[in-house]
Amino acid sequence: MKNSIIIAAIFMVVQINVHATLGARPDHQLLLSGPHLIKDAALSLEWTRDANLAKTLCQSGDPLWKSFDPTRIPGSTGRSASEICAQEGRMNWYEANAWLDHLNTNRYLGYSNWRMPQISYQDSSCSEQVTLEATGETVALGSGCMTGEPGNLKSALNDYQNSFANLEEQLFWSGTELATDSRLVGVFGVRNDWQDAEDKSSDLLPVWPVHSL
């Protein structure tokens, strides 16, 4: 009788441990960090929970946006902040860099190291491995890309569905330039772990701020 009780107790402990393991997120370590940020402990960085912060701040008339002047930016289209706002915060890549510099100058949320996320063009998990005719370089594009910094966010979309703003955007700028073509830079989408390349000057996309811890 005593042995049966001991065996039953051991079995219950094993069951509890199994359920705890199944419910954990051992690789992603994504946690809400205050009202505005989500922390990726595995990669030691934080994202804004607003995926298009520029859109939100410009539409609310926030002083931080009002003090942003994109007209003097090298590589800029010469658009004003109000014109960018009319396009829901979408910018070319040079304007996006200037916006992040503006966040850093003003220490948004207390940080001065805001930047664009990094992707990887050597990501073997991507659905397409494309060889560039001009250089013979193979770059990873398409869906299922998990190696870059955006790859970890997929689980956060499931765990914290109501904690993000402006996730309806399909693609965002990255800070990863295509080494073989200075006109192009990486872009990413988080719903299907997508990555591609777009023209720095002519394409207009939102920028999702991230900073390293």
Protein backbone atom coordinates (compact mmCIF):
# COMPACT_ATOMS: atom_id res chain seq x y z
CA MET A 1 0.00 0.00 0.00
CA LYS A 2 2.82 2.38 0.95
CA ASN A 3 4.70 1.56 -2.28
CA SER A 4 1.58 2.30 -4.34
CA ILE A 5 1.25 5.74 -2.73
CA ILE A 6 4.92 6.53 -3.45
CA ILE A 7 4.59 5.42 -7.09
CA ALA A 8 1.42 7.50 -7.51
CA ALA A 9 3.14 10.55 -6.05
CA ILE A 10 6.12 10.13 -8.39
CA PHE A 11 3.75 9.76 -11.37
CA MET A 12 1.95 13.00 -10.41
CA VAL A 13 5.28 14.91 -10.18
CA VAL A 14 6.30 13.61 -13.61
CA GLN A 15 2.95 14.69 -15.08
CA ILE A 16 3.30 18.19 -13.60
CA ASN A 17 6.83 18.55 -14.98
CA VAL A 18 5.73 17.38 -18.44
CA HIS A 19 2.85 19.87 -18.55
CA ALA A 20 5.13 22.68 -17.35
CA THR A 21 7.64 21.86 -20.11
CA LEU A 22 4.95 21.76 -22.80
CA GLY A 23 3.61 25.15 -21.71
CA ALA A 24 7.00 26.91 -21.68
CA ARG A 25 8.67 28.97 -24.41
CA PRO A 26 12.27 27.80 -23.89
CA ASP A 27 13.76 29.43 -27.00
CA HIS A 28 11.93 32.70 -27.37
CA GLN A 29 11.89 34.23 -23.86
CA LEU A 30 9.56 37.03 -24.93
CA LEU A 31 8.11 39.13 -22.11
CA LEU A 32 6.12 42.34 -21.97
CA SER A 33 8.35 45.08 -20.60
CA GLY A 34 6.16 47.89 -19.30
CA PRO A 35 3.36 49.46 -21.38
CA HIS A 36 5.42 50.21 -24.49
CA LEU A 37 8.01 47.47 -25.02
CA ILE A 38 8.41 43.73 -25.46
CA LYS A 39 11.68 42.14 -24.38
CA ASP A 40 13.44 39.32 -26.22
CA ALA A 41 15.71 37.94 -23.50
CA ALA A 42 17.28 35.37 -25.84
CA LEU A 43 18.60 38.06 -28.17
CA SER A 44 18.98 40.79 -25.51
CA LEU A 45 16.85 43.40 -27.21
CA GLU A 46 13.53 45.22 -26.88
CA TRP A 47 10.96 46.12 -29.54
CA THR A 48 8.34 48.83 -29.32
CA ARG A 49 4.91 47.26 -28.99
CA ASP A 50 3.76 49.76 -31.62
CA ALA A 51 5.00 48.40 -34.95
CA ASN A 52 4.50 51.78 -36.65
CA LEU A 53 5.31 54.28 -33.92
CA ALA A 54 5.68 57.14 -36.42
CA LYS A 55 2.08 56.69 -37.57
CA THR A 56 0.73 56.74 -34.01
CA LEU A 57 2.73 59.77 -32.89
CA CYS A 58 2.05 61.82 -36.01
CA GLN A 59 -1.70 61.13 -35.97
CA SER A 60 -1.90 62.07 -32.28
CA GLY A 61 0.04 65.31 -32.83
CA ASP A 62 2.75 64.24 -30.40
CA PRO A 63 5.45 66.93 -29.85
CA LEU A 64 8.17 64.34 -30.61
CA TRP A 65 6.80 63.94 -34.12
CA LYS A 66 6.19 67.67 -34.58
CA SER A 67 9.88 68.36 -33.91
CA PHE A 68 10.99 65.88 -36.61
CA ASP A 69 12.16 67.58 -39.85
CA PRO A 70 12.82 65.07 -42.64
CA THR A 71 13.28 67.68 -45.39
CA ARG A 72 17.04 68.09 -44.82
CA ILE A 73 17.91 64.39 -44.83
CA PRO A 74 20.50 63.22 -47.42
CA GLY A 75 18.66 60.82 -49.73
CA SER A 76 15.29 62.15 -48.61
CA THR A 77 12.40 62.77 -50.96
CA GLY A 78 12.13 66.27 -49.53
CA ARG A 79 8.76 65.46 -47.97
CA SER A 80 7.65 67.21 -44.82
CA ALA A 81 6.62 65.44 -41.62
CA SER A 82 2.98 66.20 -42.42
CA GLU A 83 3.32 64.56 -45.86
CA ILE A 84 4.83 61.44 -44.26
CA CYS A 85 2.00 61.47 -41.73
CA ALA A 86 -0.53 61.58 -44.57
CA GLN A 87 1.01 58.33 -45.80
CA GLU A 88 0.54 56.76 -42.36
CA GLY A 89 4.16 57.07 -41.28
CA ARG A 90 5.62 55.22 -44.25
CA MET A 91 9.09 56.48 -45.17
CA ASN A 92 11.94 55.68 -47.47
CA TRP A 93 14.95 54.03 -45.83
CA TYR A 94 16.91 57.27 -45.39
CA GLU A 95 13.95 58.99 -43.75
CA ALA A 96 13.48 55.95 -41.51
CA ASN A 97 17.11 56.21 -40.35
CA ALA A 98 16.63 59.91 -39.63
CA TRP A 99 13.48 59.15 -37.61
CA LEU A 100 15.42 56.67 -35.47
CA ASP A 101 18.18 59.26 -34.99
CA HIS A 102 15.46 61.66 -33.83
CA LEU A 103 14.22 59.08 -31.29
CA ASN A 104 17.80 58.65 -30.05
CA THR A 105 18.47 62.38 -29.79
CA ASN A 106 15.33 62.71 -27.69
CA ARG A 107 16.01 59.52 -25.70
CA TYR A 108 12.62 57.98 -26.45
CA LEU A 109 11.52 55.87 -23.45
CA GLY A 110 14.93 56.64 -21.91
CA TYR A 111 17.06 54.99 -24.62
CA SER A 112 19.44 56.43 -27.20
CA ASN A 113 20.27 53.28 -29.18
CA TRP A 114 17.14 52.77 -31.29
CA ARG A 115 17.77 51.14 -34.66
CA MET A 116 16.19 48.97 -37.33
CA PRO A 117 16.03 45.18 -36.85
CA GLN A 118 18.65 42.98 -38.53
CA ILE A 119 17.83 40.07 -40.85
CA SER A 120 20.17 37.43 -42.31
CA TYR A 121 20.73 36.78 -46.01
CA GLN A 122 22.43 33.49 -45.06
CA ASP A 123 19.28 32.08 -43.44
CA SER A 124 18.91 28.44 -44.51
CA SER A 125 15.39 28.31 -43.05
CA CYS A 126 14.05 30.70 -45.74
CA SER A 127 11.88 29.22 -48.47
CA GLU A 128 14.02 30.58 -51.31
CA GLN A 129 17.78 30.60 -51.84
CA VAL A 130 18.34 32.93 -54.80
CA THR A 131 21.60 33.21 -56.75
CA LEU A 132 22.28 36.72 -58.03
CA GLU A 133 23.38 36.71 -61.66
CA ALA A 134 25.66 39.73 -61.33
CA THR A 135 27.81 38.35 -58.50
CA GLY A 136 26.94 34.68 -58.04
CA GLU A 137 26.05 35.43 -54.42
CA THR A 138 23.27 33.33 -52.89
CA VAL A 139 20.80 35.23 -50.73
CA ALA A 140 17.95 33.87 -48.59
CA LEU A 141 14.49 35.29 -49.32
CA GLY A 142 10.84 34.30 -48.98
CA SER A 143 8.90 32.87 -46.05
CA GLY A 144 9.86 30.89 -42.95
CA CYS A 145 12.99 32.97 -42.23
CA MET A 146 13.91 32.43 -38.57
CA THR A 147 17.58 33.42 -38.17
CA GLY A 148 17.22 37.21 -38.11
CA GLU A 149 16.00 39.28 -35.17
CA PRO A 150 12.34 39.33 -36.36
CA GLY A 151 12.21 35.51 -36.33
CA ASN A 152 11.57 35.27 -32.59
CA LEU A 153 8.54 37.56 -32.70
CA LYS A 154 6.17 34.96 -34.16
CA SER A 155 5.45 33.41 -30.76
CA ALA A 156 4.81 36.88 -29.28
CA LEU A 157 2.07 37.47 -31.83
CA ASN A 158 0.31 34.38 -30.50
CA ASP A 159 0.99 34.94 -26.79
CA TYR A 160 0.31 38.70 -26.69
CA GLN A 161 -2.18 39.20 -29.53
CA ASN A 162 -3.77 42.32 -28.02
CA SER A 163 -0.52 43.93 -26.89
CA PHE A 164 0.72 45.18 -30.28
CA ALA A 165 -0.39 48.12 -32.42
CA ASN A 166 -0.18 48.53 -36.21
CA LEU A 167 0.63 44.92 -36.98
CA GLU A 168 -1.61 45.12 -40.03
CA GLU A 169 1.47 46.43 -41.87
CA GLN A 170 2.86 43.72 -44.12
CA LEU A 171 6.53 44.71 -44.46
CA PHE A 172 8.98 46.77 -42.42
CA TRP A 173 12.45 48.17 -43.10
CA SER A 174 15.48 46.32 -41.73
CA GLY A 175 18.98 47.68 -41.19
CA THR A 176 20.55 44.91 -43.29
CA GLU A 177 21.85 46.24 -46.60
CA LEU A 178 22.44 44.00 -49.60
CA ALA A 179 26.23 44.01 -49.92
CA THR A 180 26.22 43.51 -53.69
CA ASP A 181 23.77 46.33 -54.49
CA SER A 182 23.95 49.56 -52.51
CA ARG A 183 20.46 50.58 -53.69
CA LEU A 184 18.77 47.68 -51.88
CA VAL A 185 18.11 46.90 -48.24
CA GLY A 186 16.31 44.09 -46.46
CA VAL A 187 12.64 44.17 -45.49
CA PHE A 188 10.71 41.73 -43.30
CA GLY A 189 7.22 40.63 -42.31
CA VAL A 190 6.52 38.84 -39.03
CA ARG A 191 3.26 37.02 -39.69
CA ASN A 192 4.89 34.57 -42.12
CA ASP A 193 8.56 35.25 -41.22
CA TRP A 194 9.06 36.84 -44.64
CA GLN A 195 12.11 38.67 -45.90
CA ASP A 196 12.96 40.38 -49.19
CA ALA A 197 14.84 43.43 -50.50
CA GLU A 198 13.49 46.84 -51.53
CA ASP A 199 14.89 50.06 -52.99
CA LYS A 200 16.11 52.48 -50.29
CA SER A 201 14.92 55.61 -52.07
CA SER A 202 11.73 54.80 -53.95
CA ASP A 203 9.95 52.38 -51.62
CA LEU A 204 7.96 53.67 -48.65
CA LEU A 205 7.56 51.38 -45.62
CA PRO A 206 7.08 51.71 -41.85
CA VAL A 207 10.02 51.30 -39.48
CA TRP A 208 9.69 49.19 -36.31
CA PRO A 209 12.12 50.50 -33.65
CA VAL A 210 14.24 48.06 -31.67
CA HIS A 211 17.15 48.56 -29.28
CA SER A 212 19.79 46.27 -27.81
CA LEU A 213 20.00 45.76 -24.04
